[in-house]
C-alpha atoms as a PDB file:
ATOM      1  CA  MET A   1     -30.358 -28.625 -25.457  1.00  0.00           C
ATOM      2  CA  ASN A   2     -27.839 -26.979 -27.742  1.00  0.00           C
ATOM      3  CA  GLY A   3     -28.437 -23.666 -26.013  1.00  0.00           C
ATOM      4  CA  LEU A   4     -27.845 -25.235 -22.606  1.00  0.00           C
ATOM      5  CA  LYS A   5     -24.675 -26.939 -23.768  1.00  0.00           C
ATOM      6  CA  SER A   6     -23.265 -23.729 -25.188  1.00  0.00           C
ATOM      7  CA  LYS A   7     -23.828 -21.871 -21.915  1.00  0.00           C
ATOM      8  CA  THR A   8     -22.216 -24.483 -19.675  1.00  0.00           C
ATOM      9  CA  PRO A   9     -18.549 -23.724 -20.521  1.00  0.00           C
ATOM     10  CA  SER A  10     -19.197 -20.000 -20.023  1.00  0.00           C
ATOM     11  CA  VAL A  11     -20.635 -20.536 -16.539  1.00  0.00           C
ATOM     12  CA  ALA A  12     -17.793 -22.875 -15.584  1.00  0.00           C
ATOM     13  CA  SER A  13     -15.246 -20.417 -16.939  1.00  0.00           C
ATOM     14  CA  THR A  14     -16.797 -17.561 -14.974  1.00  0.00           C
ATOM     15  CA  GLU A  15     -16.767 -19.606 -11.770  1.00  0.00           C
ATOM     16  CA  LYS A  16     -13.125 -20.498 -12.309  1.00  0.00           C
ATOM     17  CA  ARG A  17     -12.144 -16.870 -12.817  1.00  0.00           C
ATOM     18  CA  THR A  18     -14.071 -15.867  -9.708  1.00  0.00           C
ATOM     19  CA  SER A  19     -12.274 -18.510  -7.660  1.00  0.00           C
ATOM     20  CA  ASP A  20      -8.931 -17.428  -9.145  1.00  0.00           C
ATOM     21  CA  ILE A  21      -9.493 -13.807  -8.170  1.00  0.00           C
ATOM     22  CA  GLY A  22     -10.600 -14.906  -4.700  1.00  0.00           C
ATOM     23  CA  ALA A  23      -7.383 -16.922  -4.335  1.00  0.00           C
ATOM     24  CA  PHE A  24      -5.046 -14.224  -5.672  1.00  0.00           C
ATOM     25  CA  PHE A  25      -6.597 -11.160  -4.024  1.00  0.00           C
ATOM     26  CA  PRO A  26      -5.407 -11.869  -0.412  1.00  0.00           C
ATOM     27  CA  ALA A  27      -1.799 -11.954  -1.650  1.00  0.00           C
ATOM     28  CA  SER A  28      -2.193  -8.509  -3.240  1.00  0.00           C
ATOM     29  CA  LEU A  29      -4.034  -7.183  -0.198  1.00  0.00           C
ATOM     30  CA  GLU A  30      -1.260  -8.383   2.120  1.00  0.00           C
ATOM     31  CA  LEU A  31       1.338  -6.740  -0.097  1.00  0.00           C
ATOM     32  CA  ALA A  32      -0.690  -3.514  -0.275  1.00  0.00           C
ATOM     33  CA  LEU A  33      -1.303  -3.244   3.469  1.00  0.00           C
ATOM     34  CA  TYR A  34       2.353  -3.674   4.392  1.00  0.00           C
ATOM     35  CA  ALA A  35       3.432  -1.213   1.690  1.00  0.00           C
ATOM     36  CA  LEU A  36       0.778   1.259   2.845  1.00  0.00           C
ATOM     37  CA  VAL A  37       1.840   1.062   6.500  1.00  0.00           C
ATOM     38  CA  LEU A  38       5.528   1.433   5.627  1.00  0.00           C
ATOM     39  CA  SER A  39       5.051   4.307   3.184  1.00  0.00           C
ATOM     40  CA  THR A  40       2.663   6.150   5.504  1.00  0.00           C
ATOM     41  CA  ALA A  41       4.948   5.897   8.541  1.00  0.00           C
ATOM     42  CA  ILE A  42       8.061   7.049   6.663  1.00  0.00           C
ATOM     43  CA  GLY A  43       6.209   9.680   4.606  1.00  0.00           C
ATOM     44  CA  LEU A  44       4.517  11.251   7.642  1.00  0.00           C
ATOM     45  CA  LEU A  45       7.798  11.325   9.543  1.00  0.00           C
ATOM     46  CA  LEU A  46       9.689  12.958   6.669  1.00  0.00           C
ATOM     47  CA  GLY A  47       6.930  15.494   6.017  1.00  0.00           C
ATOM     48  CA  VAL A  48       6.646  16.554   9.664  1.00  0.00           C
ATOM     49  CA  VAL A  49      10.414  16.775  10.146  1.00  0.00           C
ATOM     50  CA  GLY A  50      10.845  18.805   6.966  1.00  0.00           C
ATOM     51  CA  ALA A  51       8.103  21.262   7.928  1.00  0.00           C
ATOM     52  CA  LEU A  52       9.308  21.716  11.518  1.00  0.00           C
ATOM     53  CA  ARG A  53      13.055  21.884  10.971  1.00  0.00           C
ATOM     54  CA  GLY A  54      13.189  23.840   7.711  1.00  0.00           C
ATOM     55  CA  GLY A  55      16.477  24.875   6.149  1.00  0.00           C
ATOM     56  CA  ALA A  56      18.818  22.115   4.969  1.00  0.00           C
ATOM     57  CA  THR A  57      16.662  19.406   6.563  1.00  0.00           C
ATOM     58  CA  ASP A  58      13.626  20.554   4.614  1.00  0.00           C
ATOM     59  CA  ARG A  59      15.578  20.625   1.354  1.00  0.00           C
ATOM     60  CA  LEU A  60      16.887  17.120   2.049  1.00  0.00           C
ATOM     61  CA  VAL A  61      13.340  15.856   2.688  1.00  0.00           C
ATOM     62  CA  GLN A  62      12.156  17.385  -0.587  1.00  0.00           C
ATOM     63  CA  LEU A  63      15.094  15.820  -2.432  1.00  0.00           C
ATOM     64  CA  VAL A  64      14.295  12.378  -0.989  1.00  0.00           C
ATOM     65  CA  ALA A  65      10.606  12.763  -1.875  1.00  0.00           C
ATOM     66  CA  ILE A  66      11.361  13.774  -5.465  1.00  0.00           C
ATOM     67  CA  ALA A  67      13.849  10.906  -5.808  1.00  0.00           C
ATOM     68  CA  CYS A  68      11.263   8.393  -4.574  1.00  0.00           C
ATOM     69  CA  LEU A  69       8.692   9.739  -7.034  1.00  0.00           C
ATOM     70  CA  SER A  70      11.106   9.785  -9.962  1.00  0.00           C
ATOM     71  CA  VAL A  71      12.537   6.279  -9.769  1.00  0.00           C
ATOM     72  CA  PRO A  72      10.446   3.695 -11.714  1.00  0.00           C
ATOM     73  CA  ALA A  73       9.175   0.857  -9.522  1.00  0.00           C
ATOM     74  CA  PHE A  74      10.112  -1.874 -12.008  1.00  0.00           C
ATOM     75  CA  TRP A  75      13.698  -0.560 -12.161  1.00  0.00           C
ATOM     76  CA  VAL A  76      13.948  -0.587  -8.354  1.00  0.00           C
ATOM     77  CA  ALA A  77      12.574  -4.142  -8.317  1.00  0.00           C
ATOM     78  CA  MET A  78      15.200  -5.391 -10.755  1.00  0.00           C
ATOM     79  CA  LEU A  79      17.946  -3.473  -8.920  1.00  0.00           C
ATOM     80  CA  PHE A  80      16.937  -5.102  -5.629  1.00  0.00           C
ATOM     81  CA  GLN A  81      17.014  -8.534  -7.249  1.00  0.00           C
ATOM     82  CA  LEU A  82      20.434  -7.875  -8.777  1.00  0.00           C
ATOM     83  CA  VAL A  83      22.067  -6.522  -5.625  1.00  0.00           C
ATOM     84  CA  LEU A  84      20.214  -8.037  -2.673  1.00  0.00           C
ATOM     85  CA  TYR A  85      19.489 -11.442  -4.214  1.00  0.00           C
ATOM     86  CA  SER A  86      22.102 -12.189  -6.875  1.00  0.00           C
ATOM     87  CA  ASN A  87      25.131 -10.420  -5.365  1.00  0.00           C
ATOM     88  CA  LEU A  88      24.523 -10.474  -1.612  1.00  0.00           C
ATOM     89  CA  GLY A  89      21.978 -13.282  -1.204  1.00  0.00           C
ATOM     90  CA  TRP A  90      20.188 -11.494   1.626  1.00  0.00           C
ATOM     91  CA  PHE A  91      16.675 -11.821   0.237  1.00  0.00           C
ATOM     92  CA  PRO A  92      14.857 -14.358  -1.954  1.00  0.00           C
ATOM     93  CA  PHE A  93      14.242 -13.742  -5.645  1.00  0.00           C
ATOM     94  CA  GLY A  94      10.448 -13.786  -5.367  1.00  0.00           C
ATOM     95  CA  GLY A  95       7.364 -15.771  -4.466  1.00  0.00           C
ATOM     96  CA  ARG A  96       5.610 -15.963  -1.124  1.00  0.00           C
ATOM     97  CA  LEU A  97       7.386 -18.967   0.419  1.00  0.00           C
ATOM     98  CA  PRO A  98      10.361 -21.231  -0.388  1.00  0.00           C
ATOM     99  CA  ILE A  99       9.745 -24.029  -2.875  1.00  0.00           C
ATOM    100  CA  GLY A 100       8.252 -27.008  -1.067  1.00  0.00           C
ATOM    101  CA  ALA A 101       7.251 -25.030   2.036  1.00  0.00           C
ATOM    102  CA  ALA A 102       3.675 -25.632   3.174  1.00  0.00           C
ATOM    103  CA  ALA A 103       1.391 -22.640   3.384  1.00  0.00           C
ATOM    104  CA  PRO A 104      -0.329 -21.940   6.725  1.00  0.00           C
ATOM    105  CA  PRO A 105      -3.967 -23.007   7.183  1.00  0.00           C
ATOM    106  CA  GLY A 106      -6.032 -20.640   5.062  1.00  0.00           C
ATOM    107  CA  VAL A 107      -8.046 -18.260   7.234  1.00  0.00           C
ATOM    108  CA  THR A 108      -7.464 -14.841   5.685  1.00  0.00           C
ATOM    109  CA  GLY A 109      -5.253 -15.882   2.771  1.00  0.00           C
ATOM    110  CA  MET A 110      -2.512 -13.567   4.072  1.00  0.00           C
ATOM    111  CA  PHE A 111       0.407 -15.758   5.068  1.00  0.00           C
ATOM    112  CA  THR A 112       1.794 -13.498   7.808  1.00  0.00           C
ATOM    113  CA  ILE A 113      -1.538 -13.323   9.609  1.00  0.00           C
ATOM    114  CA  ASP A 114      -2.435 -16.975   9.035  1.00  0.00           C
ATOM    115  CA  SER A 115       0.949 -18.141  10.324  1.00  0.00           C
ATOM    116  CA  LEU A 116       0.464 -16.087  13.506  1.00  0.00           C
ATOM    117  CA  LEU A 117      -3.030 -17.505  13.952  1.00  0.00           C
ATOM    118  CA  ALA A 118      -1.542 -20.984  13.599  1.00  0.00           C
ATOM    119  CA  GLY A 119       1.192 -20.145  16.135  1.00  0.00           C
ATOM    120  CA  ASN A 120       3.967 -20.790  13.611  1.00  0.00           C
ATOM    121  CA  LEU A 121       6.500 -18.009  14.211  1.00  0.00           C
ATOM    122  CA  ASN A 122       9.115 -19.516  11.890  1.00  0.00           C
ATOM    123  CA  LEU A 123       6.680 -19.418   8.998  1.00  0.00           C
ATOM    124  CA  PHE A 124       5.706 -15.854   9.940  1.00  0.00           C
ATOM    125  CA  TRP A 125       9.296 -14.631   9.720  1.00  0.00           C
ATOM    126  CA  THR A 126       9.831 -16.565   6.505  1.00  0.00           C
ATOM    127  CA  SER A 127       6.781 -15.030   4.838  1.00  0.00           C
ATOM    128  CA  LEU A 128       7.816 -11.589   6.124  1.00  0.00           C
ATOM    129  CA  HIS A 129      11.266 -12.147   4.615  1.00  0.00           C
ATOM    130  CA  TYR A 130       9.704 -12.877   1.231  1.00  0.00           C
ATOM    131  CA  LEU A 131       7.499  -9.787   1.560  1.00  0.00           C
ATOM    132  CA  ALA A 132      10.376  -7.389   2.213  1.00  0.00           C
ATOM    133  CA  LEU A 133      11.583  -6.574  -1.304  1.00  0.00           C
ATOM    134  CA  PRO A 134       8.211  -6.173  -3.056  1.00  0.00           C
ATOM    135  CA  VAL A 135       6.855  -4.150  -0.123  1.00  0.00           C
ATOM    136  CA  VAL A 136       9.788  -1.727  -0.122  1.00  0.00           C
ATOM    137  CA  THR A 137       9.602  -1.428  -3.911  1.00  0.00           C
ATOM    138  CA  LEU A 138       5.906  -0.508  -3.827  1.00  0.00           C
ATOM    139  CA  ALA A 139       6.297   1.785  -0.810  1.00  0.00           C
ATOM    140  CA  LEU A 140       9.044   3.986  -2.256  1.00  0.00           C
ATOM    141  CA  ALA A 141       6.875   5.996  -4.647  1.00  0.00           C
ATOM    142  CA  GLU A 142       4.148   6.372  -2.020  1.00  0.00           C
ATOM    143  CA  VAL A 143       6.728   7.678   0.474  1.00  0.00           C
ATOM    144  CA  GLY A 144       7.441  10.573  -1.879  1.00  0.00           C
ATOM    145  CA  VAL A 145       3.746  11.415  -2.280  1.00  0.00           C
ATOM    146  CA  MET A 146       2.994  11.195   1.443  1.00  0.00           C
ATOM    147  CA  ALA A 147       6.063  13.229   2.436  1.00  0.00           C
ATOM    148  CA  ARG A 148       5.229  16.095   0.067  1.00  0.00           C
ATOM    149  CA  ILE A 149       1.536  16.168   1.010  1.00  0.00           C
ATOM    150  CA  THR A 150       2.304  16.043   4.745  1.00  0.00           C
ATOM    151  CA  ARG A 151       4.957  18.754   4.494  1.00  0.00           C
ATOM    152  CA  GLY A 152       2.666  21.119   2.615  1.00  0.00           C
ATOM    153  CA  SER A 153      -0.236  20.485   4.970  1.00  0.00           C
ATOM    154  CA  MET A 154       1.938  20.977   8.055  1.00  0.00           C
ATOM    155  CA  LEU A 155       3.348  24.265   6.767  1.00  0.00           C
ATOM    156  CA  GLN A 156      -0.175  25.528   6.187  1.00  0.00           C
ATOM    157  CA  VAL A 157      -1.404  24.483   9.641  1.00  0.00           C
ATOM    158  CA  LEU A 158       1.647  25.876  11.458  1.00  0.00           C
ATOM    159  CA  ASP A 159       0.774  29.299  10.077  1.00  0.00           C
ATOM    160  CA  GLU A 160      -2.787  29.231  11.457  1.00  0.00           C
ATOM    161  CA  ASP A 161      -3.906  31.591  14.234  1.00  0.00           C
ATOM    162  CA  TYR A 162      -4.886  28.828  16.663  1.00  0.00           C
ATOM    163  CA  VAL A 163      -1.379  27.358  16.517  1.00  0.00           C
ATOM    164  CA  ARG A 164       0.196  30.738  17.282  1.00  0.00           C
ATOM    165  CA  THR A 165      -2.296  31.178  20.120  1.00  0.00           C
ATOM    166  CA  ALA A 166      -1.386  27.773  21.568  1.00  0.00           C
ATOM    167  CA  ARG A 167       2.288  28.710  21.483  1.00  0.00           C
ATOM    168  CA  SER A 168       1.636  32.074  23.128  1.00  0.00           C
ATOM    169  CA  LYS A 169      -0.147  30.288  25.991  1.00  0.00           C
ATOM    170  CA  GLY A 170       3.119  28.552  26.827  1.00  0.00           C
ATOM    171  CA  LEU A 171       2.164  25.050  25.714  1.00  0.00           C
ATOM    172  CA  SER A 172       5.069  22.706  25.076  1.00  0.00           C
ATOM    173  CA  ARG A 173       6.200  22.175  21.515  1.00  0.00           C
ATOM    174  CA  TRP A 174       5.140  18.509  21.636  1.00  0.00           C
ATOM    175  CA  ARG A 175       1.659  19.410  22.879  1.00  0.00           C
ATOM    176  CA  VAL A 176       1.229  22.018  20.162  1.00  0.00           C
ATOM    177  CA  LEU A 177       2.387  19.522  17.552  1.00  0.00           C
ATOM    178  CA  ASN A 178       0.300  16.599  18.788  1.00  0.00           C
ATOM    179  CA  ARG A 179      -2.937  18.333  19.812  1.00  0.00           C
ATOM    180  CA  HIS A 180      -3.182  21.282  17.456  1.00  0.00           C
ATOM    181  CA  SER A 181      -0.921  20.883  14.405  1.00  0.00           C
ATOM    182  CA  LEU A 182      -0.555  17.266  13.364  1.00  0.00           C
ATOM    183  CA  ARG A 183      -4.168  16.237  13.831  1.00  0.00           C
ATOM    184  CA  ASN A 184      -5.432  19.042  11.600  1.00  0.00           C
ATOM    185  CA  ALA A 185      -2.647  18.490   9.090  1.00  0.00           C
ATOM    186  CA  LEU A 186      -3.608  14.829   8.633  1.00  0.00           C
ATOM    187  CA  ILE A 187      -6.733  15.628   6.602  1.00  0.00           C
ATOM    188  CA  ALA A 188      -4.838  15.868   3.298  1.00  0.00           C
ATOM    189  CA  PRO A 189      -2.543  12.840   3.893  1.00  0.00           C
ATOM    190  CA  VAL A 190      -5.535  10.681   4.883  1.00  0.00           C
ATOM    191  CA  THR A 191      -7.225  11.582   1.594  1.00  0.00           C
ATOM    192  CA  VAL A 192      -4.144  10.396  -0.290  1.00  0.00           C
ATOM    193  CA  LEU A 193      -4.091   7.297   1.914  1.00  0.00           C
ATOM    194  CA  GLY A 194      -7.409   6.085   0.510  1.00  0.00           C
ATOM    195  CA  LEU A 195      -6.242   6.544  -3.069  1.00  0.00           C
ATOM    196  CA  ASN A 196      -2.952   4.769  -2.337  1.00  0.00           C
ATOM    197  CA  LEU A 197      -4.729   1.741  -0.866  1.00  0.00           C
ATOM    198  CA  GLY A 198      -6.765   1.289  -4.029  1.00  0.00           C
ATOM    199  CA  LEU A 199      -3.653   1.651  -6.167  1.00  0.00           C
ATOM    200  CA  LEU A 200      -1.583  -0.772  -4.117  1.00  0.00           C
ATOM    201  CA  ALA A 201      -4.367  -3.330  -3.733  1.00  0.00           C
ATOM    202  CA  GLY A 202      -4.483  -3.569  -7.509  1.00  0.00           C
ATOM    203  CA  GLY A 203      -0.791  -4.281  -7.332  1.00  0.00           C
ATOM    204  CA  VAL A 204       1.690  -2.639  -9.631  1.00  0.00           C
ATOM    205  CA  PHE A 205       1.451  -5.250 -12.360  1.00  0.00           C
ATOM    206  CA  LEU A 206       5.120  -5.291 -13.298  1.00  0.00           C
ATOM    207  CA  VAL A 207       6.277  -5.443  -9.668  1.00  0.00           C
ATOM    208  CA  GLU A 208       4.165  -8.505  -8.921  1.00  0.00           C
ATOM    209  CA  THR A 209       5.319 -10.083 -12.171  1.00  0.00           C
ATOM    210  CA  ILE A 210       9.012  -9.369 -11.504  1.00  0.00           C
ATOM    211  CA  PHE A 211       8.846 -10.816  -7.998  1.00  0.00           C
ATOM    212  CA  ALA A 212       6.628 -13.744  -9.089  1.00  0.00           C
ATOM    213  CA  TRP A 213       4.092 -12.610  -6.512  1.00  0.00           C
ATOM    214  CA  PRO A 214       0.823 -14.545  -6.994  1.00  0.00           C
ATOM    215  CA  GLY A 215      -1.533 -11.571  -6.667  1.00  0.00           C
ATOM    216  CA  ILE A 216      -4.250 -10.124  -8.863  1.00  0.00           C
ATOM    217  CA  GLY A 217      -1.745  -7.747 -10.452  1.00  0.00           C
ATOM    218  CA  ARG A 218       0.220 -10.645 -11.893  1.00  0.00           C
ATOM    219  CA  TYR A 219      -3.031 -12.461 -12.667  1.00  0.00           C
ATOM    220  CA  ALA A 220      -4.286  -9.433 -14.612  1.00  0.00           C
ATOM    221  CA  PHE A 221      -0.944  -9.121 -16.425  1.00  0.00           C
ATOM    222  CA  ASN A 222      -1.193 -12.732 -17.601  1.00  0.00           C
ATOM    223  CA  ALA A 223      -4.870 -12.235 -18.504  1.00  0.00           C
ATOM    224  CA  ILE A 224      -4.059  -9.199 -20.647  1.00  0.00           C
ATOM    225  CA  ALA A 225      -1.163 -11.017 -22.310  1.00  0.00           C
ATOM    226  CA  SER A 226      -3.456 -13.935 -23.211  1.00  0.00           C
ATOM    227  CA  SER A 227      -6.388 -11.660 -24.215  1.00  0.00           C
ATOM    228  CA  ASP A 228      -8.587 -13.067 -21.442  1.00  0.00           C
ATOM    229  CA  TYR A 229     -11.084 -10.217 -21.333  1.00  0.00           C
ATOM    230  CA  ASN A 230     -13.379 -11.754 -18.705  1.00  0.00           C
ATOM    231  CA  ALA A 231     -10.524 -12.108 -16.209  1.00  0.00           C
ATOM    232  CA  THR A 232      -9.338  -8.569 -16.979  1.00  0.00           C
ATOM    233  CA  MET A 233     -12.803  -7.137 -16.380  1.00  0.00           C
ATOM    234  CA  GLY A 234     -13.118  -9.138 -13.163  1.00  0.00           C
ATOM    235  CA  VAL A 235      -9.854  -7.713 -11.793  1.00  0.00           C
ATOM    236  CA  THR A 236     -10.919  -4.206 -12.845  1.00  0.00           C
ATOM    237  CA  LEU A 237     -14.181  -4.626 -10.948  1.00  0.00           C
ATOM    238  CA  VAL A 238     -12.378  -5.808  -7.799  1.00  0.00           C
ATOM    239  CA  ILE A 239      -9.973  -2.857  -7.889  1.00  0.00           C
ATOM    240  CA  ALA A 240     -12.895  -0.457  -8.365  1.00  0.00           C
ATOM    241  CA  VAL A 241     -14.641  -1.916  -5.304  1.00  0.00           C
ATOM    242  CA  VAL A 242     -11.442  -1.508  -3.265  1.00  0.00           C
ATOM    243  CA  TYR A 243     -11.249   2.149  -4.317  1.00  0.00           C
ATOM    244  CA  VAL A 244     -14.852   2.744  -3.233  1.00  0.00           C
ATOM    245  CA  VAL A 245     -14.425   0.990   0.132  1.00  0.00           C
ATOM    246  CA  ALA A 246     -11.086   2.742   0.817  1.00  0.00           C
ATOM    247  CA  ASN A 247     -12.560   6.180   0.143  1.00  0.00           C
ATOM    248  CA  LEU A 248     -15.575   5.370   2.320  1.00  0.00           C
ATOM    249  CA  LEU A 249     -13.217   4.529   5.191  1.00  0.00           C
ATOM    250  CA  VAL A 250     -11.346   7.779   4.558  1.00  0.00           C
ATOM    251  CA  ASP A 251     -14.588   9.756   4.819  1.00  0.00           C
ATOM    252  CA  LEU A 252     -15.311   8.067   8.151  1.00  0.00           C
ATOM    253  CA  LEU A 253     -11.819   8.897   9.411  1.00  0.00           C
ATOM    254  CA  TYR A 254     -12.516  12.575   8.793  1.00  0.00           C
ATOM    255  CA  LEU A 255     -14.976  12.427  11.698  1.00  0.00           C
ATOM    256  CA  LEU A 256     -12.189  11.401  14.075  1.00  0.00           C
ATOM    257  CA  LEU A 257      -9.673  13.935  12.803  1.00  0.00           C
ATOM    258  CA  ASP A 258     -11.932  16.984  12.549  1.00  0.00           C
ATOM    259  CA  PRO A 259     -14.893  17.212  14.973  1.00  0.00           C
ATOM    260  CA  ARG A 260     -16.376  20.027  12.880  1.00  0.00           C
ATOM    261  CA  ILE A 261     -17.258  17.498  10.175  1.00  0.00           C
ATOM    262  CA  ARG A 262     -20.619  15.836  10.637  1.00  0.00           C
ATOM    263  CA  TYR A 263     -22.604  13.612   8.289  1.00  0.00           C
ATOM    264  CA  SER A 264     -26.361  13.920   8.611  1.00  0.00           C
END
């Protein structure tokens, strides 16, 4: 009996931590997906423009990429709060919704998607408004990485024989870029994309804490501060699974980008 009694709190505690992670993870995933989409779109655009235009444009792209990589995310978060919240009042301080606002019916746990599924456009725009600052903060560093990787990959592909052959055939610049250059140059950026998703899904701990974002990054930060080792190990396991799944998806994307790749 004593043995059974001593195990009961441990089982209950484990179940509670599992439910906590399940509740907090969709918030981090929503934050990560928006940051990933934003950073990928801007990074790809900057990398392609820098590689194609060259000269002053290329140097400007490299300067922007280095600046994005050099600025600490927590400093950007506090700067956004100081300027855009305290001084201008354009964006909220943090959180996912205003105090007292009801969350949408839980389907995915991601408020923007759940509000659309519920047909509540006002709540969708409100949740998107609260997402803006943490998403931009997380995306900045990834923009620098994606821009540099895309630029280097594009410069390498543009120097290949098949690209010069396509140009000599009289194909338009857009057709050469879309059909022959960009698709082959995406191999390296897509590889980085999988790593970025795992990083962002874990949430930059300080960013989620600064913006009071109820994700697993903030949950892990509080767990570490309170020496809750079980919760810390649980979050670590979840992030590891995200890394594995993200890299599996990246490997499958290789099949679409490069038809020479085949998995037996």
